[in-house]
N, C-alpha and C. Protein backbone atom coordinates (compact mmCIF):
# COMPACT_ATOMS: atom_id res chain seq x y z
N MET A 1 24.95 20.21 -23.75
CA MET A 1 23.76 19.38 -23.84
C MET A 1 24.10 17.98 -24.58
N HIS A 2 23.75 16.99 -23.86
CA HIS A 2 24.19 15.61 -24.18
C HIS A 2 24.10 15.50 -25.92
N PRO A 3 25.11 14.70 -26.39
CA PRO A 3 24.45 14.88 -27.77
C PRO A 3 23.54 14.02 -28.53
N ARG A 4 23.10 12.95 -27.71
CA ARG A 4 21.58 12.29 -27.77
C ARG A 4 20.61 13.03 -27.75
N ALA A 5 20.47 14.01 -26.86
CA ALA A 5 19.70 14.89 -26.52
C ALA A 5 19.56 16.28 -27.57
N ALA A 6 20.82 16.12 -28.03
CA ALA A 6 20.66 17.31 -29.15
C ALA A 6 20.32 16.94 -30.54
N GLU A 7 20.65 15.54 -30.73
CA GLU A 7 19.95 14.94 -31.85
C GLU A 7 18.39 14.86 -31.84
N PHE A 8 17.94 14.20 -30.41
CA PHE A 8 16.42 14.12 -30.66
C PHE A 8 15.84 15.55 -30.72
N ARG A 9 16.28 16.50 -30.29
CA ARG A 9 16.14 18.14 -30.34
C ARG A 9 15.90 18.41 -31.84
N GLU A 10 17.06 18.20 -32.62
CA GLU A 10 17.23 18.09 -34.07
C GLU A 10 16.45 17.64 -34.93
N ARG A 11 15.83 16.27 -34.18
CA ARG A 11 15.28 15.49 -35.39
C ARG A 11 13.44 15.81 -34.98
N ALA A 12 13.46 16.32 -33.80
CA ALA A 12 12.40 16.85 -33.65
C ALA A 12 11.57 18.20 -34.55
N ALA A 13 12.74 18.87 -34.50
CA ALA A 13 12.44 20.31 -35.41
C ALA A 13 12.31 19.35 -36.88
N GLU A 14 13.12 18.80 -37.36
CA GLU A 14 13.36 18.75 -38.99
C GLU A 14 11.87 17.44 -39.12
N GLU A 15 11.79 16.68 -38.33
CA GLU A 15 10.46 15.55 -38.50
C GLU A 15 9.03 16.02 -38.26
N HIS A 16 8.97 17.40 -37.27
CA HIS A 16 7.54 17.73 -37.09
C HIS A 16 7.51 19.02 -36.42
N GLY A 17 8.21 20.00 -36.71
CA GLY A 17 8.05 21.20 -36.57
C GLY A 17 8.88 21.45 -35.56
N LEU A 18 8.79 20.60 -34.28
CA LEU A 18 8.55 20.67 -33.25
C LEU A 18 9.49 21.25 -32.36
N GLU A 19 9.63 22.97 -31.90
CA GLU A 19 10.73 23.39 -31.35
C GLU A 19 10.71 23.23 -29.28
N ILE A 20 11.54 22.42 -29.32
CA ILE A 20 11.64 22.27 -27.84
C ILE A 20 12.82 22.51 -27.10
N ASP A 21 12.15 22.90 -25.58
CA ASP A 21 13.22 23.07 -24.78
C ASP A 21 13.73 21.85 -24.17
N VAL A 22 15.11 21.41 -24.57
CA VAL A 22 15.54 19.80 -23.44
C VAL A 22 15.61 20.40 -22.53
N GLU A 23 15.51 19.91 -21.11
CA GLU A 23 15.99 20.27 -19.99
C GLU A 23 16.68 18.72 -19.34
N GLU A 24 17.87 19.19 -19.01
CA GLU A 24 18.84 17.81 -18.60
C GLU A 24 18.89 17.79 -16.89
N PHE A 25 19.07 16.80 -16.26
CA PHE A 25 18.86 16.57 -15.03
C PHE A 25 19.83 15.56 -14.73
N PRO A 26 21.42 15.80 -14.05
CA PRO A 26 22.33 15.03 -14.12
C PRO A 26 22.25 14.03 -13.06
N GLU A 27 21.14 13.79 -11.80
CA GLU A 27 20.74 12.86 -11.19
C GLU A 27 19.68 12.00 -11.90
N GLY A 28 19.10 12.29 -12.90
CA GLY A 28 18.87 11.33 -13.91
C GLY A 28 17.11 11.27 -13.78
N THR A 29 16.52 11.15 -14.92
CA THR A 29 14.77 10.76 -14.73
C THR A 29 14.76 9.39 -15.62
N LYS A 30 15.22 8.31 -14.90
CA LYS A 30 14.85 7.34 -15.61
C LYS A 30 13.30 6.76 -15.22
N THR A 31 13.19 6.86 -14.25
CA THR A 31 11.92 6.34 -13.29
C THR A 31 10.99 7.71 -13.36
N ALA A 32 9.71 7.43 -13.43
CA ALA A 32 8.71 8.73 -13.93
C ALA A 32 8.57 9.43 -12.42
N ALA A 33 9.02 8.86 -11.24
CA ALA A 33 9.17 9.27 -9.86
C ALA A 33 10.47 10.48 -9.95
N ASP A 34 11.75 9.69 -10.49
CA ASP A 34 12.53 10.41 -10.72
C ASP A 34 12.72 11.90 -11.39
N ALA A 35 11.92 11.45 -12.60
CA ALA A 35 11.49 12.87 -13.54
C ALA A 35 10.56 13.19 -13.20
N ALA A 36 9.39 13.58 -12.29
CA ALA A 36 8.47 14.21 -11.43
C ALA A 36 9.50 14.92 -10.39
N ALA A 37 10.02 14.11 -9.76
CA ALA A 37 11.22 14.92 -8.74
C ALA A 37 12.03 16.30 -9.38
N ALA A 38 12.44 15.78 -10.30
CA ALA A 38 13.27 16.65 -10.94
C ALA A 38 12.95 17.94 -11.77
N VAL A 39 11.75 17.85 -12.37
CA VAL A 39 10.94 18.65 -13.16
C VAL A 39 10.03 19.34 -11.82
N GLY A 40 9.73 18.90 -11.00
CA GLY A 40 8.94 19.46 -10.12
C GLY A 40 7.24 19.63 -10.48
N CYS A 41 6.96 18.51 -10.91
CA CYS A 41 5.66 18.04 -11.34
C CYS A 41 5.01 16.78 -10.76
N GLU A 42 3.62 16.62 -11.11
CA GLU A 42 3.25 15.55 -10.75
C GLU A 42 3.71 14.19 -11.33
N VAL A 43 3.67 12.88 -10.66
CA VAL A 43 4.03 11.97 -11.31
C VAL A 43 3.15 11.69 -12.63
N ALA A 44 1.94 11.52 -12.47
CA ALA A 44 0.85 11.50 -13.42
C ALA A 44 1.57 12.64 -14.95
N GLN A 45 2.21 13.49 -14.79
CA GLN A 45 2.66 14.17 -15.76
C GLN A 45 3.46 14.12 -16.45
N ILE A 46 4.15 12.93 -15.93
CA ILE A 46 5.33 12.31 -16.99
C ILE A 46 4.58 11.13 -18.22
N ALA A 47 4.96 11.27 -19.17
CA ALA A 47 4.66 10.97 -20.42
C ALA A 47 5.72 9.89 -20.71
N SER A 48 5.71 8.38 -20.31
CA SER A 48 6.70 7.31 -20.40
C SER A 48 6.39 6.55 -22.05
N SER A 49 7.49 6.68 -22.50
CA SER A 49 7.12 5.70 -23.53
C SER A 49 7.67 4.26 -23.44
N LEU A 50 6.94 3.02 -23.47
CA LEU A 50 7.08 2.16 -23.24
C LEU A 50 7.23 1.22 -24.51
N VAL A 51 8.07 0.65 -24.21
CA VAL A 51 8.05 -0.52 -25.64
C VAL A 51 7.49 -1.88 -25.46
N PHE A 52 6.44 -2.21 -25.74
CA PHE A 52 6.40 -4.01 -26.10
C PHE A 52 6.47 -4.88 -27.20
N LEU A 53 6.29 -5.77 -27.13
CA LEU A 53 6.07 -6.59 -28.26
C LEU A 53 4.50 -7.40 -28.16
N ALA A 54 3.86 -7.32 -29.20
CA ALA A 54 2.76 -7.57 -29.44
C ALA A 54 2.60 -9.06 -30.34
N ASP A 55 2.67 -9.98 -29.70
CA ASP A 55 3.00 -11.22 -31.19
C ASP A 55 4.24 -10.92 -31.84
N ASP A 56 5.12 -10.40 -31.18
CA ASP A 56 6.84 -9.97 -31.74
C ASP A 56 6.57 -9.11 -32.55
N ASP A 57 5.70 -8.12 -32.74
CA ASP A 57 5.67 -6.77 -33.41
C ASP A 57 5.59 -5.94 -32.30
N PRO A 58 6.53 -4.88 -32.19
CA PRO A 58 6.66 -3.71 -31.34
C PRO A 58 5.74 -2.57 -31.63
N ILE A 59 5.11 -2.17 -30.22
CA ILE A 59 4.20 -1.12 -30.70
C ILE A 59 4.78 -0.24 -29.13
N VAL A 60 4.71 0.99 -29.24
CA VAL A 60 4.92 2.01 -28.08
C VAL A 60 3.72 2.15 -27.63
N VAL A 61 3.93 2.28 -25.97
CA VAL A 61 2.77 2.83 -25.38
C VAL A 61 3.32 3.83 -24.63
N VAL A 62 2.45 5.06 -24.87
CA VAL A 62 3.00 6.62 -24.13
C VAL A 62 1.90 6.77 -22.99
N THR A 63 2.41 6.16 -21.89
CA THR A 63 1.32 6.33 -20.32
C THR A 63 1.98 7.38 -19.46
N SER A 64 1.12 7.53 -18.78
CA SER A 64 1.23 8.52 -17.41
C SER A 64 1.91 7.88 -16.68
N GLY A 65 2.95 8.23 -15.79
CA GLY A 65 3.71 8.03 -15.13
C GLY A 65 3.20 7.59 -14.02
N ALA A 66 1.97 7.90 -13.35
CA ALA A 66 1.05 7.17 -12.64
C ALA A 66 0.89 6.08 -12.68
N ASN A 67 0.44 5.61 -14.15
CA ASN A 67 -0.15 4.42 -14.09
C ASN A 67 0.80 2.81 -14.34
N ARG A 68 0.26 1.94 -14.55
CA ARG A 68 1.14 0.91 -15.28
C ARG A 68 0.24 0.06 -16.21
N VAL A 69 0.70 -0.53 -17.26
CA VAL A 69 0.03 -0.95 -18.18
C VAL A 69 -0.14 -2.39 -17.92
N ASP A 70 -1.47 -2.76 -18.42
CA ASP A 70 -2.01 -4.03 -18.17
C ASP A 70 -1.68 -4.89 -19.39
N GLU A 71 -0.70 -5.42 -19.43
CA GLU A 71 -0.55 -6.76 -20.57
C GLU A 71 -1.67 -6.97 -21.18
N ASP A 72 -2.71 -7.63 -20.07
CA ASP A 72 -3.57 -8.18 -20.84
C ASP A 72 -4.92 -7.57 -21.65
N ALA A 73 -4.83 -6.15 -20.94
CA ALA A 73 -5.53 -5.49 -21.72
C ALA A 73 -5.11 -4.95 -22.84
N LEU A 74 -3.34 -4.55 -22.81
CA LEU A 74 -3.36 -4.15 -24.44
C LEU A 74 -3.23 -5.24 -25.33
N ALA A 75 -3.29 -6.57 -24.59
CA ALA A 75 -3.21 -7.58 -25.91
C ALA A 75 -4.67 -7.74 -26.19
N ARG A 76 -6.01 -7.42 -25.30
CA ARG A 76 -7.37 -7.51 -25.92
C ARG A 76 -7.10 -6.67 -27.16
N ALA A 77 -6.77 -4.88 -26.52
CA ALA A 77 -6.80 -3.76 -27.49
C ALA A 77 -6.40 -4.03 -28.81
N LEU A 78 -5.21 -4.75 -28.97
CA LEU A 78 -4.50 -4.84 -30.53
C LEU A 78 -4.55 -6.14 -30.74
N GLY A 79 -5.56 -7.54 -30.25
CA GLY A 79 -6.24 -8.35 -30.83
C GLY A 79 -4.73 -9.08 -30.95
N ALA A 80 -3.79 -9.20 -29.93
CA ALA A 80 -2.73 -10.34 -29.96
C ALA A 80 -3.00 -11.36 -28.99
N ASP A 81 -2.09 -12.30 -29.28
CA ASP A 81 -1.93 -13.77 -28.27
C ASP A 81 -1.64 -13.66 -27.47
N SER A 82 -0.01 -12.89 -27.61
CA SER A 82 0.77 -12.48 -26.46
C SER A 82 1.24 -11.02 -26.43
N VAL A 83 1.43 -10.47 -25.01
CA VAL A 83 2.07 -9.15 -25.05
C VAL A 83 3.17 -9.35 -24.37
N GLY A 84 4.45 -8.60 -24.09
CA GLY A 84 5.41 -8.40 -23.29
C GLY A 84 6.37 -7.49 -23.34
N MET A 85 7.23 -7.09 -22.45
CA MET A 85 7.95 -5.60 -22.50
C MET A 85 9.06 -6.51 -23.51
N ALA A 86 9.30 -5.04 -24.52
CA ALA A 86 10.79 -5.49 -25.22
C ALA A 86 11.88 -5.29 -24.51
N GLY A 87 12.96 -6.06 -24.86
CA GLY A 87 14.36 -6.40 -24.71
C GLY A 87 14.73 -4.98 -25.11
N THR A 88 16.00 -4.56 -24.40
CA THR A 88 16.70 -3.52 -24.76
C THR A 88 17.27 -3.53 -26.05
N ASP A 89 18.06 -4.46 -26.51
CA ASP A 89 18.52 -4.54 -27.50
C ASP A 89 17.51 -4.43 -28.63
N ARG A 90 16.28 -4.96 -28.82
CA ARG A 90 14.98 -4.75 -29.52
C ARG A 90 14.52 -3.08 -29.44
N ILE A 91 14.56 -2.71 -28.62
CA ILE A 91 14.16 -1.39 -28.28
C ILE A 91 15.27 -0.63 -29.01
N ARG A 92 16.58 -0.61 -29.04
CA ARG A 92 17.67 -0.26 -29.57
C ARG A 92 17.75 -0.06 -31.09
N GLU A 93 17.41 -1.16 -31.27
CA GLU A 93 17.62 -1.78 -33.02
C GLU A 93 16.34 -0.84 -33.58
N THR A 94 14.98 -0.85 -32.72
CA THR A 94 13.66 -0.88 -33.79
C THR A 94 13.52 0.82 -33.30
N LEU A 95 13.63 1.48 -32.28
CA LEU A 95 13.43 2.77 -32.27
C LEU A 95 14.57 3.81 -32.36
N GLY A 96 15.90 3.18 -31.84
CA GLY A 96 16.89 3.94 -32.13
C GLY A 96 17.40 4.58 -30.73
N TRP A 97 16.67 4.52 -29.54
CA TRP A 97 17.17 4.94 -28.55
C TRP A 97 17.13 3.78 -27.39
N SER A 98 17.63 4.55 -26.42
CA SER A 98 17.70 3.23 -25.42
C SER A 98 16.55 3.31 -23.99
N ILE A 99 16.55 2.23 -23.48
CA ILE A 99 15.87 2.44 -22.42
C ILE A 99 16.21 3.45 -21.08
N GLY A 100 14.67 4.11 -20.87
CA GLY A 100 15.44 5.43 -19.89
C GLY A 100 15.20 6.58 -20.64
N GLY A 101 15.38 6.64 -21.93
CA GLY A 101 15.88 7.97 -22.79
C GLY A 101 14.93 7.91 -24.31
N VAL A 102 13.71 6.73 -23.98
CA VAL A 102 13.01 6.72 -25.42
C VAL A 102 11.80 7.89 -25.35
N PRO A 103 12.13 8.68 -26.55
CA PRO A 103 10.95 9.65 -26.72
C PRO A 103 9.54 9.09 -27.02
N PRO A 104 8.66 9.68 -27.37
CA PRO A 104 7.45 9.16 -27.85
C PRO A 104 7.51 9.56 -29.34
N ILE A 105 8.32 10.54 -30.07
CA ILE A 105 8.28 10.36 -31.26
C ILE A 105 9.78 10.37 -31.61
N CYS A 106 9.70 10.67 -32.99
CA CYS A 106 11.26 10.50 -33.74
C CYS A 106 12.07 8.98 -33.59
N HIS A 107 11.11 8.18 -33.53
CA HIS A 107 11.82 6.97 -33.61
C HIS A 107 12.24 6.73 -35.21
N ASP A 108 13.17 5.41 -35.15
CA ASP A 108 13.84 5.12 -36.66
C ASP A 108 12.90 3.95 -37.70
N SER A 109 11.88 3.65 -36.75
CA SER A 109 10.61 2.91 -37.29
C SER A 109 9.66 3.04 -37.18
N GLN A 110 8.65 2.98 -38.01
CA GLN A 110 7.07 3.76 -38.10
C GLN A 110 6.34 2.60 -37.04
N LEU A 111 6.27 2.73 -36.03
CA LEU A 111 5.69 1.82 -35.19
C LEU A 111 3.93 2.34 -34.22
N PRO A 112 3.11 1.06 -34.30
CA PRO A 112 1.67 2.17 -33.64
C PRO A 112 2.01 2.39 -32.12
N VAL A 113 1.45 3.30 -32.14
CA VAL A 113 1.45 4.36 -31.10
C VAL A 113 0.32 4.75 -30.19
N LEU A 114 0.41 3.62 -28.80
CA LEU A 114 -1.05 4.16 -28.14
C LEU A 114 -0.83 5.06 -27.37
N PHE A 115 -1.93 5.88 -26.38
CA PHE A 115 -1.72 6.92 -26.09
C PHE A 115 -2.62 6.90 -24.43
N ASP A 116 -2.11 6.82 -23.43
CA ASP A 116 -2.79 7.14 -22.05
C ASP A 116 -3.92 8.15 -22.00
N PRO A 117 -4.96 7.89 -21.91
CA PRO A 117 -5.90 9.32 -21.60
C PRO A 117 -5.52 10.10 -20.35
N THR A 118 -5.06 9.45 -19.55
CA THR A 118 -4.72 9.95 -18.37
C THR A 118 -3.96 11.66 -18.77
N LEU A 119 -3.02 11.18 -19.50
CA LEU A 119 -2.24 12.45 -20.09
C LEU A 119 -2.86 13.66 -20.72
N SER A 120 -4.42 13.58 -21.57
CA SER A 120 -4.93 14.68 -21.69
C SER A 120 -5.66 15.57 -20.69
N GLY A 121 -5.12 14.96 -19.43
CA GLY A 121 -5.98 15.86 -18.49
C GLY A 121 -5.08 16.89 -18.17
N PHE A 122 -4.00 17.09 -18.68
CA PHE A 122 -2.82 18.15 -18.34
C PHE A 122 -2.50 19.21 -19.57
N GLU A 123 -2.39 20.47 -19.13
CA GLU A 123 -1.88 21.50 -20.05
C GLU A 123 -0.71 21.02 -20.43
N THR A 124 0.51 20.53 -19.61
CA THR A 124 1.51 20.34 -19.71
C THR A 124 1.92 18.99 -19.50
N VAL A 125 2.56 18.06 -20.42
CA VAL A 125 3.42 16.91 -20.04
C VAL A 125 4.63 17.03 -20.10
N TRP A 126 5.50 15.95 -19.56
CA TRP A 126 7.11 15.89 -19.80
C TRP A 126 7.29 14.44 -20.07
N ALA A 127 8.29 14.60 -21.16
CA ALA A 127 8.67 13.09 -22.24
C ALA A 127 10.13 13.37 -22.03
N ALA A 128 10.45 11.94 -22.47
CA ALA A 128 12.18 11.59 -22.67
C ALA A 128 12.53 12.34 -23.76
N ALA A 129 13.66 12.93 -23.69
CA ALA A 129 14.21 13.40 -24.88
C ALA A 129 15.85 12.79 -25.00
N GLY A 130 15.97 11.44 -25.42
CA GLY A 130 16.76 10.87 -25.86
C GLY A 130 17.64 10.07 -25.14
N THR A 131 17.88 10.65 -23.93
CA THR A 131 18.92 10.02 -22.52
C THR A 131 18.13 10.38 -21.20
N PRO A 132 18.50 9.04 -19.96
CA PRO A 132 17.91 9.00 -18.90
C PRO A 132 17.87 10.46 -18.82
N GLN A 133 18.72 11.17 -18.90
CA GLN A 133 18.84 12.70 -18.09
C GLN A 133 17.82 13.54 -18.67
N ALA A 134 17.31 13.40 -19.53
CA ALA A 134 16.73 14.79 -20.66
C ALA A 134 15.51 14.32 -20.72
N VAL A 135 14.69 15.39 -20.37
CA VAL A 135 13.26 15.46 -20.73
C VAL A 135 12.55 16.91 -21.64
N PHE A 136 11.44 16.87 -21.79
CA PHE A 136 11.18 18.18 -22.44
C PHE A 136 9.41 18.09 -22.33
N PRO A 137 8.80 19.68 -22.33
CA PRO A 137 7.57 19.48 -21.53
C PRO A 137 6.90 19.54 -23.02
N VAL A 138 5.80 19.30 -23.00
CA VAL A 138 4.96 19.53 -24.36
C VAL A 138 3.18 19.49 -24.10
N ASP A 139 2.35 19.91 -24.97
CA ASP A 139 1.11 19.76 -24.94
C ASP A 139 0.65 18.38 -24.88
N PRO A 140 0.04 17.51 -24.19
CA PRO A 140 -0.61 16.43 -24.80
C PRO A 140 -1.42 15.94 -25.90
N GLU A 141 -1.89 16.94 -26.15
CA GLU A 141 -2.71 16.77 -27.02
C GLU A 141 -2.07 17.21 -28.51
N ARG A 142 -0.99 17.78 -28.85
CA ARG A 142 0.00 17.99 -29.78
C ARG A 142 0.70 16.80 -29.36
N LEU A 143 1.64 15.97 -28.70
CA LEU A 143 2.31 15.20 -28.68
C LEU A 143 1.42 14.02 -29.59
N LYS A 144 0.22 13.85 -28.66
CA LYS A 144 -0.47 12.58 -29.81
C LYS A 144 -0.57 13.04 -30.88
N ARG A 145 -0.92 14.31 -31.39
CA ARG A 145 -1.06 14.16 -32.78
C ARG A 145 0.79 14.16 -33.52
N LEU A 146 1.53 14.49 -33.02
CA LEU A 146 3.14 14.24 -33.80
C LEU A 146 3.23 12.46 -33.48
N ALA A 147 2.47 12.36 -32.93
CA ALA A 147 3.36 10.56 -32.57
C ALA A 147 2.34 9.59 -33.60
N ASP A 148 1.02 10.28 -33.80
CA ASP A 148 -0.17 9.39 -34.71
C ASP A 148 -0.66 8.75 -33.97
N ALA A 149 -0.72 9.07 -32.68
CA ALA A 149 -0.88 7.98 -31.25
C ALA A 149 -2.63 7.98 -31.35
N THR A 150 -2.94 6.42 -30.82
CA THR A 150 -4.20 6.44 -30.71
C THR A 150 -4.56 6.23 -29.36
N GLU A 151 -5.45 7.08 -28.83
CA GLU A 151 -5.67 6.94 -27.57
C GLU A 151 -6.39 5.96 -27.16
N HIS A 152 -5.88 5.32 -25.94
CA HIS A 152 -6.73 3.88 -25.55
C HIS A 152 -6.38 3.93 -24.04
N ASP A 153 -7.32 3.08 -23.30
CA ASP A 153 -6.73 3.00 -21.90
C ASP A 153 -6.29 1.62 -21.69
N VAL A 154 -4.98 1.17 -21.59
CA VAL A 154 -4.94 0.15 -21.06
C VAL A 154 -3.62 -0.20 -19.76
N THR A 155 -4.18 0.56 -19.09
CA THR A 155 -3.54 0.91 -17.76
C THR A 155 -4.01 0.36 -16.41
N VAL A 156 -3.67 0.25 -15.51
CA VAL A 156 -4.05 -0.17 -14.17
C VAL A 156 -4.22 0.70 -13.25
């Protein structure tokens, strides 16, 4: 197992009491479509952790791979004047993970997390496990609780 995926698995157990089965795919799971193809599930079952800056404050949006975040809706939901995707360096510095492998939990900093209600329609969703080749299955309601996320539809 990749050291970063192993680190995520250990942190999930220590921080949340979550025993996870990390699955790794050499072909990669960078996009929701890649992850769904590798896992053998619907694209909508991929829980993508996206990092935005709302008035320069980072926020994580865990969204279904079938949806796209509407930045205007996100700004309205947060009462922010401006919203945009966070850059790679800011994500790594704030969350401790790199783009393509950002998990929905176990971040280095406490950040607000919004959760796409589409994910709640599934028994199992798949989320990044610390690398662009690693994912783990989890019950979406449990994931929402562990992430201390607020369910809010900010997608199109």
